[in-house]
Amino acid sequence: MGLVAACGADGSRVVNTLPVMIAVTTTTIPPTSTLAPDTEYQMYLVQSGDSVSYIASQFNVSVDDIVALNGLTDADDIQAGQKLKIPAGGVSPVSSVASGPTTTSAP
């Protein structure tokens, strides 16, 4: 196998070329969570129509903390029936059940 003239040379002179090398680096940016590795949590069953931001607001915790605690890669990718860990320290979710009127009878 012989050498080939490079880049349109007329063949009177042979040029050796090296392959082009490209270096690629990736950087992983850690989540912005302030959770300790041994954070206590409660479980939440995702309902149809829920979003992580809605769930976070109901428990008074951050979206970033829920994402980090559950190892989610996309906060928008949750499904009804999925169980999520909610960091302890948040409040219980607000109940959507309205209480009826209270009546008192006189003796």
PDB file of N, CA and C in Angstrom:
ATOM      1  N   MET A   1       0.849  -1.169   0.000  1.00  0.00           N
ATOM      2  CA  MET A   1       0.000   0.000   0.000  1.00  0.00           C
ATOM      3  C   MET A   1       0.893   1.230   0.000  1.00  0.00           C
ATOM      4  N   GLY A   2       0.666   2.126  -0.891  1.00  0.00           N
ATOM      5  CA  GLY A   2       1.529   3.289  -1.022  1.00  0.00           C
ATOM      6  C   GLY A   2       0.933   4.510  -0.373  1.00  0.00           C
ATOM      7  N   LEU A   3       1.672   5.602  -0.359  1.00  0.00           N
ATOM      8  CA  LEU A   3       1.215   6.867   0.192  1.00  0.00           C
ATOM      9  C   LEU A   3       0.400   7.608  -0.853  1.00  0.00           C
ATOM     10  N   VAL A   4      -0.531   8.410  -0.394  1.00  0.00           N
ATOM     11  CA  VAL A   4      -1.407   9.136  -1.296  1.00  0.00           C
ATOM     12  C   VAL A   4      -1.104  10.624  -1.173  1.00  0.00           C
ATOM     13  N   ALA A   5      -1.155  11.331  -2.295  1.00  0.00           N
ATOM     14  CA  ALA A   5      -0.953  12.780  -2.274  1.00  0.00           C
ATOM     15  C   ALA A   5      -2.115  13.426  -1.539  1.00  0.00           C
ATOM     16  N   ALA A   6      -1.821  14.418  -0.724  1.00  0.00           N
ATOM     17  CA  ALA A   6      -2.845  15.042   0.104  1.00  0.00           C
ATOM     18  C   ALA A   6      -3.388  16.318  -0.507  1.00  0.00           C
ATOM     19  N   CYS A   7      -4.629  16.577  -0.340  1.00  0.00           N
ATOM     20  CA  CYS A   7      -5.319  17.838  -0.629  1.00  0.00           C
ATOM     21  C   CYS A   7      -5.033  18.383  -2.021  1.00  0.00           C
ATOM     22  N   GLY A   8      -5.266  17.623  -3.030  1.00  0.00           N
ATOM     23  CA  GLY A   8      -5.154  18.120  -4.393  1.00  0.00           C
ATOM     24  C   GLY A   8      -3.737  18.307  -4.898  1.00  0.00           C
ATOM     25  N   ALA A   9      -2.754  17.728  -4.227  1.00  0.00           N
ATOM     26  CA  ALA A   9      -1.374  17.848  -4.723  1.00  0.00           C
ATOM     27  C   ALA A   9      -1.286  17.157  -6.078  1.00  0.00           C
ATOM     28  N   ASP A  10      -0.329  17.533  -6.837  1.00  0.00           N
ATOM     29  CA  ASP A  10      -0.234  16.986  -8.195  1.00  0.00           C
ATOM     30  C   ASP A  10       0.449  15.623  -8.236  1.00  0.00           C
ATOM     31  N   GLY A  11       0.786  15.095  -7.130  1.00  0.00           N
ATOM     32  CA  GLY A  11       1.381  13.772  -7.083  1.00  0.00           C
ATOM     33  C   GLY A  11       2.888  13.784  -7.138  1.00  0.00           C
ATOM     34  N   SER A  12       3.486  14.956  -7.419  1.00  0.00           N
ATOM     35  CA  SER A  12       4.938  15.002  -7.478  1.00  0.00           C
ATOM     36  C   SER A  12       5.535  14.983  -6.073  1.00  0.00           C
ATOM     37  N   ARG A  13       4.761  15.326  -5.132  1.00  0.00           N
ATOM     38  CA  ARG A  13       5.244  15.329  -3.762  1.00  0.00           C
ATOM     39  C   ARG A  13       4.209  14.640  -2.874  1.00  0.00           C
ATOM     40  N   VAL A  14       4.600  13.670  -2.074  1.00  0.00           N
ATOM     41  CA  VAL A  14       3.697  12.919  -1.214  1.00  0.00           C
ATOM     42  C   VAL A  14       3.774  13.493   0.193  1.00  0.00           C
ATOM     43  N   VAL A  15       2.603  13.688   0.811  1.00  0.00           N
ATOM     44  CA  VAL A  15       2.541  14.273   2.148  1.00  0.00           C
ATOM     45  C   VAL A  15       1.811  13.288   3.063  1.00  0.00           C
ATOM     46  N   ASN A  16       2.421  13.008   4.193  1.00  0.00           N
ATOM     47  CA  ASN A  16       1.758  12.179   5.198  1.00  0.00           C
ATOM     48  C   ASN A  16       0.952  13.084   6.116  1.00  0.00           C
ATOM     49  N   THR A  17      -0.272  12.708   6.440  1.00  0.00           N
ATOM     50  CA  THR A  17      -1.089  13.486   7.366  1.00  0.00           C
ATOM     51  C   THR A  17      -1.492  12.601   8.538  1.00  0.00           C
ATOM     52  N   LEU A  18      -1.717  13.244   9.656  1.00  0.00           N
ATOM     53  CA  LEU A  18      -2.162  12.535  10.847  1.00  0.00           C
ATOM     54  C   LEU A  18      -3.682  12.648  10.959  1.00  0.00           C
ATOM     55  N   PRO A  19      -4.317  11.670  11.551  1.00  0.00           N
ATOM     56  CA  PRO A  19      -5.769  11.789  11.730  1.00  0.00           C
ATOM     57  C   PRO A  19      -6.095  12.923  12.700  1.00  0.00           C
ATOM     58  N   VAL A  20      -7.234  13.533  12.491  1.00  0.00           N
ATOM     59  CA  VAL A  20      -7.688  14.604  13.358  1.00  0.00           C
ATOM     60  C   VAL A  20      -8.222  13.975  14.644  1.00  0.00           C
ATOM     61  N   MET A  21      -7.804  14.515  15.791  1.00  0.00           N
ATOM     62  CA  MET A  21      -8.259  14.005  17.073  1.00  0.00           C
ATOM     63  C   MET A  21      -9.050  15.110  17.771  1.00  0.00           C
ATOM     64  N   ILE A  22     -10.174  14.740  18.325  1.00  0.00           N
ATOM     65  CA  ILE A  22     -11.020  15.692  19.030  1.00  0.00           C
ATOM     66  C   ILE A  22     -11.197  15.210  20.460  1.00  0.00           C
ATOM     67  N   ALA A  23     -10.958  16.087  21.411  1.00  0.00           N
ATOM     68  CA  ALA A  23     -11.157  15.746  22.818  1.00  0.00           C
ATOM     69  C   ALA A  23     -12.540  16.223  23.239  1.00  0.00           C
ATOM     70  N   VAL A  24     -13.302  15.351  23.896  1.00  0.00           N
ATOM     71  CA  VAL A  24     -14.628  15.698  24.378  1.00  0.00           C
ATOM     72  C   VAL A  24     -14.641  15.503  25.886  1.00  0.00           C
ATOM     73  N   THR A  25     -15.130  16.514  26.574  1.00  0.00           N
ATOM     74  CA  THR A  25     -15.251  16.389  28.025  1.00  0.00           C
ATOM     75  C   THR A  25     -16.698  16.646  28.406  1.00  0.00           C
ATOM     76  N   THR A  26     -17.140  16.014  29.462  1.00  0.00           N
ATOM     77  CA  THR A  26     -18.480  16.264  29.978  1.00  0.00           C
ATOM     78  C   THR A  26     -18.363  16.659  31.448  1.00  0.00           C
ATOM     79  N   THR A  27     -19.264  17.499  31.852  1.00  0.00           N
ATOM     80  CA  THR A  27     -19.294  17.938  33.240  1.00  0.00           C
ATOM     81  C   THR A  27     -20.668  17.633  33.811  1.00  0.00           C
ATOM     82  N   THR A  28     -20.702  16.972  34.934  1.00  0.00           N
ATOM     83  CA  THR A  28     -21.957  16.696  35.602  1.00  0.00           C
ATOM     84  C   THR A  28     -22.166  17.745  36.677  1.00  0.00           C
ATOM     85  N   ILE A  29     -23.295  18.416  36.583  1.00  0.00           N
ATOM     86  CA  ILE A  29     -23.615  19.442  37.567  1.00  0.00           C
ATOM     87  C   ILE A  29     -24.502  18.800  38.624  1.00  0.00           C
ATOM     88  N   PRO A  30     -24.044  18.789  39.872  1.00  0.00           N
ATOM     89  CA  PRO A  30     -24.847  18.158  40.920  1.00  0.00           C
ATOM     90  C   PRO A  30     -26.123  18.950  41.177  1.00  0.00           C
ATOM     91  N   PRO A  31     -27.183  18.272  41.632  1.00  0.00           N
ATOM     92  CA  PRO A  31     -28.419  18.988  41.959  1.00  0.00           C
ATOM     93  C   PRO A  31     -28.165  20.021  43.048  1.00  0.00           C
ATOM     94  N   THR A  32     -29.027  21.025  43.079  1.00  0.00           N
ATOM     95  CA  THR A  32     -28.854  22.103  44.043  1.00  0.00           C
ATOM     96  C   THR A  32     -29.571  21.812  45.355  1.00  0.00           C
ATOM     97  N   SER A  33     -29.703  20.560  45.688  1.00  0.00           N
ATOM     98  CA  SER A  33     -30.396  20.180  46.910  1.00  0.00           C
ATOM     99  C   SER A  33     -29.489  20.353  48.125  1.00  0.00           C
ATOM    100  N   THR A  34     -30.116  20.673  49.225  1.00  0.00           N
ATOM    101  CA  THR A  34     -29.373  20.795  50.484  1.00  0.00           C
ATOM    102  C   THR A  34     -29.691  19.629  51.411  1.00  0.00           C
ATOM    103  N   LEU A  35     -30.239  18.548  50.847  1.00  0.00           N
ATOM    104  CA  LEU A  35     -30.610  17.393  51.659  1.00  0.00           C
ATOM    105  C   LEU A  35     -29.385  16.617  52.103  1.00  0.00           C
ATOM    106  N   ALA A  36     -29.422  16.157  53.336  1.00  0.00           N
ATOM    107  CA  ALA A  36     -28.371  15.271  53.838  1.00  0.00           C
ATOM    108  C   ALA A  36     -28.625  13.880  53.253  1.00  0.00           C
ATOM    109  N   PRO A  37     -27.569  13.070  53.089  1.00  0.00           N
ATOM    110  CA  PRO A  37     -27.744  11.739  52.510  1.00  0.00           C
ATOM    111  C   PRO A  37     -28.719  10.854  53.284  1.00  0.00           C
ATOM    112  N   ASP A  38     -28.864  11.070  54.581  1.00  0.00           N
ATOM    113  CA  ASP A  38     -29.735  10.221  55.393  1.00  0.00           C
ATOM    114  C   ASP A  38     -31.059  10.914  55.737  1.00  0.00           C
ATOM    115  N   THR A  39     -31.538  11.758  54.823  1.00  0.00           N
ATOM    116  CA  THR A  39     -32.764  12.512  55.044  1.00  0.00           C
ATOM    117  C   THR A  39     -33.960  11.583  55.253  1.00  0.00           C
ATOM    118  N   GLU A  40     -34.756  11.880  56.258  1.00  0.00           N
ATOM    119  CA  GLU A  40     -35.982  11.129  56.486  1.00  0.00           C
ATOM    120  C   GLU A  40     -37.034  11.641  55.515  1.00  0.00           C
ATOM    121  N   TYR A  41     -37.972  10.761  55.173  1.00  0.00           N
ATOM    122  CA  TYR A  41     -38.980  11.147  54.206  1.00  0.00           C
ATOM    123  C   TYR A  41     -40.291  10.422  54.476  1.00  0.00           C
ATOM    124  N   GLN A  42     -41.338  10.926  53.824  1.00  0.00           N
ATOM    125  CA  GLN A  42     -42.621  10.241  53.817  1.00  0.00           C
ATOM    126  C   GLN A  42     -42.934   9.902  52.362  1.00  0.00           C
ATOM    127  N   MET A  43     -43.791   8.942  52.127  1.00  0.00           N
ATOM    128  CA  MET A  43     -44.118   8.524  50.771  1.00  0.00           C
ATOM    129  C   MET A  43     -45.390   9.233  50.297  1.00  0.00           C
ATOM    130  N   TYR A  44     -45.429   9.520  49.000  1.00  0.00           N
ATOM    131  CA  TYR A  44     -46.597  10.129  48.379  1.00  0.00           C
ATOM    132  C   TYR A  44     -46.917   9.362  47.106  1.00  0.00           C
ATOM    133  N   LEU A  45     -48.176   9.014  46.901  1.00  0.00           N
ATOM    134  CA  LEU A  45     -48.620   8.326  45.700  1.00  0.00           C
ATOM    135  C   LEU A  45     -49.107   9.372  44.706  1.00  0.00           C
ATOM    136  N   VAL A  46     -48.430   9.465  43.571  1.00  0.00           N
ATOM    137  CA  VAL A  46     -48.749  10.467  42.558  1.00  0.00           C
ATOM    138  C   VAL A  46     -50.145  10.197  42.002  1.00  0.00           C
ATOM    139  N   GLN A  47     -50.942  11.256  41.933  1.00  0.00           N
ATOM    140  CA  GLN A  47     -52.303  11.188  41.394  1.00  0.00           C
ATOM    141  C   GLN A  47     -52.314  11.745  39.972  1.00  0.00           C
ATOM    142  N   SER A  48     -53.305  11.364  39.199  1.00  0.00           N
ATOM    143  CA  SER A  48     -53.454  11.883  37.844  1.00  0.00           C
ATOM    144  C   SER A  48     -53.518  13.414  37.892  1.00  0.00           C
ATOM    145  N   GLY A  49     -52.747  14.075  37.066  1.00  0.00           N
ATOM    146  CA  GLY A  49     -52.727  15.539  37.021  1.00  0.00           C
ATOM    147  C   GLY A  49     -51.692  16.185  37.926  1.00  0.00           C
ATOM    148  N   ASP A  50     -51.051  15.404  38.803  1.00  0.00           N
ATOM    149  CA  ASP A  50     -50.021  15.958  39.697  1.00  0.00           C
ATOM    150  C   ASP A  50     -48.770  16.343  38.918  1.00  0.00           C
ATOM    151  N   SER A  51     -48.079  17.328  39.414  1.00  0.00           N
ATOM    152  CA  SER A  51     -46.744  17.688  38.928  1.00  0.00           C
ATOM    153  C   SER A  51     -45.844  17.786  40.156  1.00  0.00           C
ATOM    154  N   VAL A  52     -44.549  17.711  39.948  1.00  0.00           N
ATOM    155  CA  VAL A  52     -43.629  17.809  41.084  1.00  0.00           C
ATOM    156  C   VAL A  52     -43.770  19.170  41.752  1.00  0.00           C
ATOM    157  N   SER A  53     -43.971  20.210  40.967  1.00  0.00           N
ATOM    158  CA  SER A  53     -44.104  21.541  41.581  1.00  0.00           C
ATOM    159  C   SER A  53     -45.387  21.631  42.416  1.00  0.00           C
ATOM    160  N   TYR A  54     -46.462  21.012  41.955  1.00  0.00           N
ATOM    161  CA  TYR A  54     -47.704  21.005  42.741  1.00  0.00           C
ATOM    162  C   TYR A  54     -47.502  20.231  44.047  1.00  0.00           C
ATOM    163  N   ILE A  55     -46.890  19.051  43.944  1.00  0.00           N
ATOM    164  CA  ILE A  55     -46.647  18.221  45.127  1.00  0.00           C
ATOM    165  C   ILE A  55     -45.750  18.973  46.118  1.00  0.00           C
ATOM    166  N   ALA A  56     -44.698  19.608  45.603  1.00  0.00           N
ATOM    167  CA  ALA A  56     -43.785  20.368  46.462  1.00  0.00           C
ATOM    168  C   ALA A  56     -44.530  21.477  47.199  1.00  0.00           C
ATOM    169  N   SER A  57     -45.424  22.162  46.498  1.00  0.00           N
ATOM    170  CA  SER A  57     -46.163  23.255  47.144  1.00  0.00           C
ATOM    171  C   SER A  57     -47.120  22.718  48.210  1.00  0.00           C
ATOM    172  N   GLN A  58     -47.690  21.529  47.990  1.00  0.00           N
ATOM    173  CA  GLN A  58     -48.610  20.944  48.957  1.00  0.00           C
ATOM    174  C   GLN A  58     -47.897  20.526  50.250  1.00  0.00           C
ATOM    175  N   PHE A  59     -46.629  20.127  50.129  1.00  0.00           N
ATOM    176  CA  PHE A  59     -45.867  19.684  51.293  1.00  0.00           C
ATOM    177  C   PHE A  59     -44.913  20.749  51.817  1.00  0.00           C
ATOM    178  N   ASN A  60     -44.892  21.922  51.173  1.00  0.00           N
ATOM    179  CA  ASN A  60     -44.020  23.018  51.567  1.00  0.00           C
ATOM    180  C   ASN A  60     -42.537  22.625  51.535  1.00  0.00           C
ATOM    181  N   VAL A  61     -42.148  21.960  50.447  1.00  0.00           N
ATOM    182  CA  VAL A  61     -40.751  21.590  50.214  1.00  0.00           C
ATOM    183  C   VAL A  61     -40.370  22.060  48.812  1.00  0.00           C
ATOM    184  N   SER A  62     -39.088  21.995  48.484  1.00  0.00           N
ATOM    185  CA  SER A  62     -38.657  22.469  47.169  1.00  0.00           C
ATOM    186  C   SER A  62     -38.731  21.353  46.124  1.00  0.00           C
ATOM    187  N   VAL A  63     -38.948  21.766  44.885  1.00  0.00           N
ATOM    188  CA  VAL A  63     -38.933  20.834  43.758  1.00  0.00           C
ATOM    189  C   VAL A  63     -37.565  20.148  43.694  1.00  0.00           C
ATOM    190  N   ASP A  64     -36.495  20.931  43.875  1.00  0.00           N
ATOM    191  CA  ASP A  64     -35.133  20.373  43.818  1.00  0.00           C
ATOM    192  C   ASP A  64     -34.938  19.267  44.845  1.00  0.00           C
ATOM    193  N   ASP A  65     -35.508  19.425  46.043  1.00  0.00           N
ATOM    194  CA  ASP A  65     -35.358  18.401  47.079  1.00  0.00           C
ATOM    195  C   ASP A  65     -36.099  17.113  46.708  1.00  0.00           C
ATOM    196  N   ILE A  66     -37.294  17.245  46.134  1.00  0.00           N
ATOM    197  CA  ILE A  66     -38.035  16.053  45.700  1.00  0.00           C
ATOM    198  C   ILE A  66     -37.288  15.357  44.569  1.00  0.00           C
ATOM    199  N   VAL A  67     -36.806  16.136  43.610  1.00  0.00           N
ATOM    200  CA  VAL A  67     -36.060  15.575  42.471  1.00  0.00           C
ATOM    201  C   VAL A  67     -34.822  14.830  42.971  1.00  0.00           C
ATOM    202  N   ALA A  68     -34.070  15.458  43.874  1.00  0.00           N
ATOM    203  CA  ALA A  68     -32.834  14.850  44.377  1.00  0.00           C
ATOM    204  C   ALA A  68     -33.120  13.594  45.200  1.00  0.00           C
ATOM    205  N   LEU A  69     -34.098  13.649  46.080  1.00  0.00           N
ATOM    206  CA  LEU A  69     -34.401  12.527  46.962  1.00  0.00           C
ATOM    207  C   LEU A  69     -34.882  11.308  46.173  1.00  0.00           C
ATOM    208  N   ASN A  70     -35.522  11.547  45.031  1.00  0.00           N
ATOM    209  CA  ASN A  70     -36.066  10.454  44.231  1.00  0.00           C
ATOM    210  C   ASN A  70     -35.186  10.090  43.033  1.00  0.00           C
ATOM    211  N   GLY A  71     -34.070  10.800  42.850  1.00  0.00           N
ATOM    212  CA  GLY A  71     -33.173  10.501  41.740  1.00  0.00           C
ATOM    213  C   GLY A  71     -33.808  10.737  40.379  1.00  0.00           C
ATOM    214  N   LEU A  72     -34.709  11.714  40.297  1.00  0.00           N
ATOM    215  CA  LEU A  72     -35.379  12.003  39.027  1.00  0.00           C
ATOM    216  C   LEU A  72     -34.433  12.740  38.093  1.00  0.00           C
ATOM    217  N   THR A  73     -34.465  12.384  36.819  1.00  0.00           N
ATOM    218  CA  THR A  73     -33.662  13.110  35.837  1.00  0.00           C
ATOM    219  C   THR A  73     -34.477  14.209  35.176  1.00  0.00           C
ATOM    220  N   ASP A  74     -35.798  14.088  35.256  1.00  0.00           N
ATOM    221  CA  ASP A  74     -36.686  15.083  34.666  1.00  0.00           C
ATOM    222  C   ASP A  74     -37.882  15.268  35.595  1.00  0.00           C
ATOM    223  N   ALA A  75     -38.004  16.446  36.165  1.00  0.00           N
ATOM    224  CA  ALA A  75     -39.085  16.715  37.116  1.00  0.00           C
ATOM    225  C   ALA A  75     -40.459  16.620  36.454  1.00  0.00           C
ATOM    226  N   ASP A  76     -40.523  16.726  35.132  1.00  0.00           N
ATOM    227  CA  ASP A  76     -41.800  16.662  34.431  1.00  0.00           C
ATOM    228  C   ASP A  76     -42.205  15.230  34.073  1.00  0.00           C
ATOM    229  N   ASP A  77     -41.346  14.262  34.392  1.00  0.00           N
ATOM    230  CA  ASP A  77     -41.598  12.878  33.984  1.00  0.00           C
ATOM    231  C   ASP A  77     -42.013  12.017  35.175  1.00  0.00           C
ATOM    232  N   ILE A  78     -43.210  12.301  35.706  1.00  0.00           N
ATOM    233  CA  ILE A  78     -43.770  11.458  36.764  1.00  0.00           C
ATOM    234  C   ILE A  78     -45.100  10.913  36.267  1.00  0.00           C
ATOM    235  N   GLN A  79     -45.518   9.778  36.796  1.00  0.00           N
ATOM    236  CA  GLN A  79     -46.725   9.106  36.332  1.00  0.00           C
ATOM    237  C   GLN A  79     -47.679   8.858  37.502  1.00  0.00           C
ATOM    238  N   ALA A  80     -48.969   8.873  37.220  1.00  0.00           N
ATOM    239  CA  ALA A  80     -49.962   8.526  38.232  1.00  0.00           C
ATOM    240  C   ALA A  80     -49.663   7.111  38.719  1.00  0.00           C
ATOM    241  N   GLY A  81     -49.714   6.916  40.028  1.00  0.00           N
ATOM    242  CA  GLY A  81     -49.421   5.619  40.620  1.00  0.00           C
ATOM    243  C   GLY A  81     -47.980   5.484  41.089  1.00  0.00           C
ATOM    244  N   GLN A  82     -47.125   6.402  40.656  1.00  0.00           N
ATOM    245  CA  GLN A  82     -45.714   6.383  41.069  1.00  0.00           C
ATOM    246  C   GLN A  82     -45.616   6.830  42.521  1.00  0.00           C
ATOM    247  N   LYS A  83     -44.707   6.225  43.273  1.00  0.00           N
ATOM    248  CA  LYS A  83     -44.481   6.621  44.661  1.00  0.00           C
ATOM    249  C   LYS A  83     -43.270   7.544  44.715  1.00  0.00           C
ATOM    250  N   LEU A  84     -43.443   8.681  45.362  1.00  0.00           N
ATOM    251  CA  LEU A  84     -42.351   9.645  45.525  1.00  0.00           C
ATOM    252  C   LEU A  84     -42.030   9.811  47.004  1.00  0.00           C
ATOM    253  N   LYS A  85     -40.758   9.971  47.294  1.00  0.00           N
ATOM    254  CA  LYS A  85     -40.321  10.294  48.646  1.00  0.00           C
ATOM    255  C   LYS A  85     -40.423  11.808  48.810  1.00  0.00           C
ATOM    256  N   ILE A  86     -41.032  12.228  49.899  1.00  0.00           N
ATOM    257  CA  ILE A  86     -41.168  13.649  50.218  1.00  0.00           C
ATOM    258  C   ILE A  86     -40.328  13.907  51.456  1.00  0.00           C
ATOM    259  N   PRO A  87     -39.386  14.866  51.395  1.00  0.00           N
ATOM    260  CA  PRO A  87     -38.527  15.122  52.557  1.00  0.00           C
ATOM    261  C   PRO A  87     -39.332  15.426  53.811  1.00  0.00           C
ATOM    262  N   ALA A  88     -38.920  14.830  54.924  1.00  0.00           N
ATOM    263  CA  ALA A  88     -39.559  15.117  56.210  1.00  0.00           C
ATOM    264  C   ALA A  88     -39.293  16.576  56.549  1.00  0.00           C
ATOM    265  N   GLY A  89     -40.138  17.130  57.359  1.00  0.00           N
ATOM    266  CA  GLY A  89     -39.972  18.538  57.697  1.00  0.00           C
ATOM    267  C   GLY A  89     -40.970  19.374  56.939  1.00  0.00           C
ATOM    268  N   GLY A  90     -41.481  18.818  55.836  1.00  0.00           N
ATOM    269  CA  GLY A  90     -42.554  19.489  55.130  1.00  0.00           C
ATOM    270  C   GLY A  90     -43.834  19.258  55.921  1.00  0.00           C
ATOM    271  N   VAL A  91     -44.883  19.883  55.496  1.00  0.00           N
ATOM    272  CA  VAL A  91     -46.163  19.713  56.191  1.00  0.00           C
ATOM    273  C   VAL A  91     -46.978  18.637  55.495  1.00  0.00           C
ATOM    274  N   SER A  92     -48.011  18.154  56.157  1.00  0.00           N
ATOM    275  CA  SER A  92     -48.921  17.222  55.509  1.00  0.00           C
ATOM    276  C   SER A  92     -49.666  17.977  54.425  1.00  0.00           C
ATOM    277  N   PRO A  93     -50.039  17.282  53.357  1.00  0.00           N
ATOM    278  CA  PRO A  93     -50.719  17.995  52.268  1.00  0.00           C
ATOM    279  C   PRO A  93     -52.047  18.578  52.731  1.00  0.00           C
ATOM    280  N   VAL A  94     -52.441  19.656  52.079  1.00  0.00           N
ATOM    281  CA  VAL A  94     -53.697  20.310  52.396  1.00  0.00           C
ATOM    282  C   VAL A  94     -54.824  19.405  51.923  1.00  0.00           C
ATOM    283  N   SER A  95     -55.773  19.162  52.772  1.00  0.00           N
ATOM    284  CA  SER A  95     -56.908  18.300  52.419  1.00  0.00           C
ATOM    285  C   SER A  95     -57.848  19.043  51.504  1.00  0.00           C
ATOM    286  N   SER A  96     -58.375  18.342  50.496  1.00  0.00           N
ATOM    287  CA  SER A  96     -59.314  18.965  49.584  1.00  0.00           C
ATOM    288  C   SER A  96     -60.757  18.686  49.990  1.00  0.00           C
ATOM    289  N   VAL A  97     -60.949  18.018  51.117  1.00  0.00           N
ATOM    290  CA  VAL A  97     -62.290  17.692  51.587  1.00  0.00           C
ATOM    291  C   VAL A  97     -62.779  18.833  52.475  1.00  0.00           C
ATOM    292  N   ALA A  98     -63.888  19.403  52.082  1.00  0.00           N
ATOM    293  CA  ALA A  98     -64.440  20.505  52.859  1.00  0.00           C
ATOM    294  C   ALA A  98     -65.271  19.947  53.999  1.00  0.00           C
ATOM    295  N   SER A  99     -65.195  20.599  55.135  1.00  0.00           N
ATOM    296  CA  SER A  99     -65.992  20.139  56.273  1.00  0.00           C
ATOM    297  C   SER A  99     -67.389  20.765  56.170  1.00  0.00           C
ATOM    298  N   GLY A 100     -68.383  20.014  56.558  1.00  0.00           N
ATOM    299  CA  GLY A 100     -69.764  20.499  56.505  1.00  0.00           C
ATOM    300  C   GLY A 100     -70.083  21.397  57.682  1.00  0.00           C
ATOM    301  N   PRO A 101     -71.256  21.997  57.648  1.00  0.00           N
ATOM    302  CA  PRO A 101     -71.627  22.876  58.766  1.00  0.00           C
ATOM    303  C   PRO A 101     -71.852  22.066  60.045  1.00  0.00           C
ATOM    304  N   THR A 102     -71.583  22.698  61.141  1.00  0.00           N
ATOM    305  CA  THR A 102     -71.757  22.066  62.438  1.00  0.00           C
ATOM    306  C   THR A 102     -73.041  22.575  63.071  1.00  0.00           C
ATOM    307  N   THR A 103     -73.839  21.674  63.552  1.00  0.00           N
ATOM    308  CA  THR A 103     -75.081  22.095  64.213  1.00  0.00           C
ATOM    309  C   THR A 103     -75.045  21.673  65.665  1.00  0.00           C
ATOM    310  N   THR A 104     -75.649  22.467  66.496  1.00  0.00           N
ATOM    311  CA  THR A 104     -75.727  22.132  67.913  1.00  0.00           C
ATOM    312  C   THR A 104     -77.193  22.203  68.304  1.00  0.00           C
ATOM    313  N   SER A 105     -77.639  21.229  69.031  1.00  0.00           N
ATOM    314  CA  SER A 105     -79.045  21.239  69.462  1.00  0.00           C
ATOM    315  C   SER A 105     -79.121  21.706  70.918  1.00  0.00           C
ATOM    316  N   ALA A 106     -80.124  22.477  71.182  1.00  0.00           N
ATOM    317  CA  ALA A 106     -80.329  22.943  72.571  1.00  0.00           C
ATOM    318  C   ALA A 106     -81.111  21.903  73.328  1.00  0.00           C
ATOM    319  N   PRO A 107     -80.831  21.717  74.640  1.00  0.00           N
ATOM    320  CA  PRO A 107     -81.587  20.727  75.433  1.00  0.00           C
ATOM    321  C   PRO A 107     -82.993  21.128  75.702  1.00  0.00           C
TER     322      PRO A 107
END
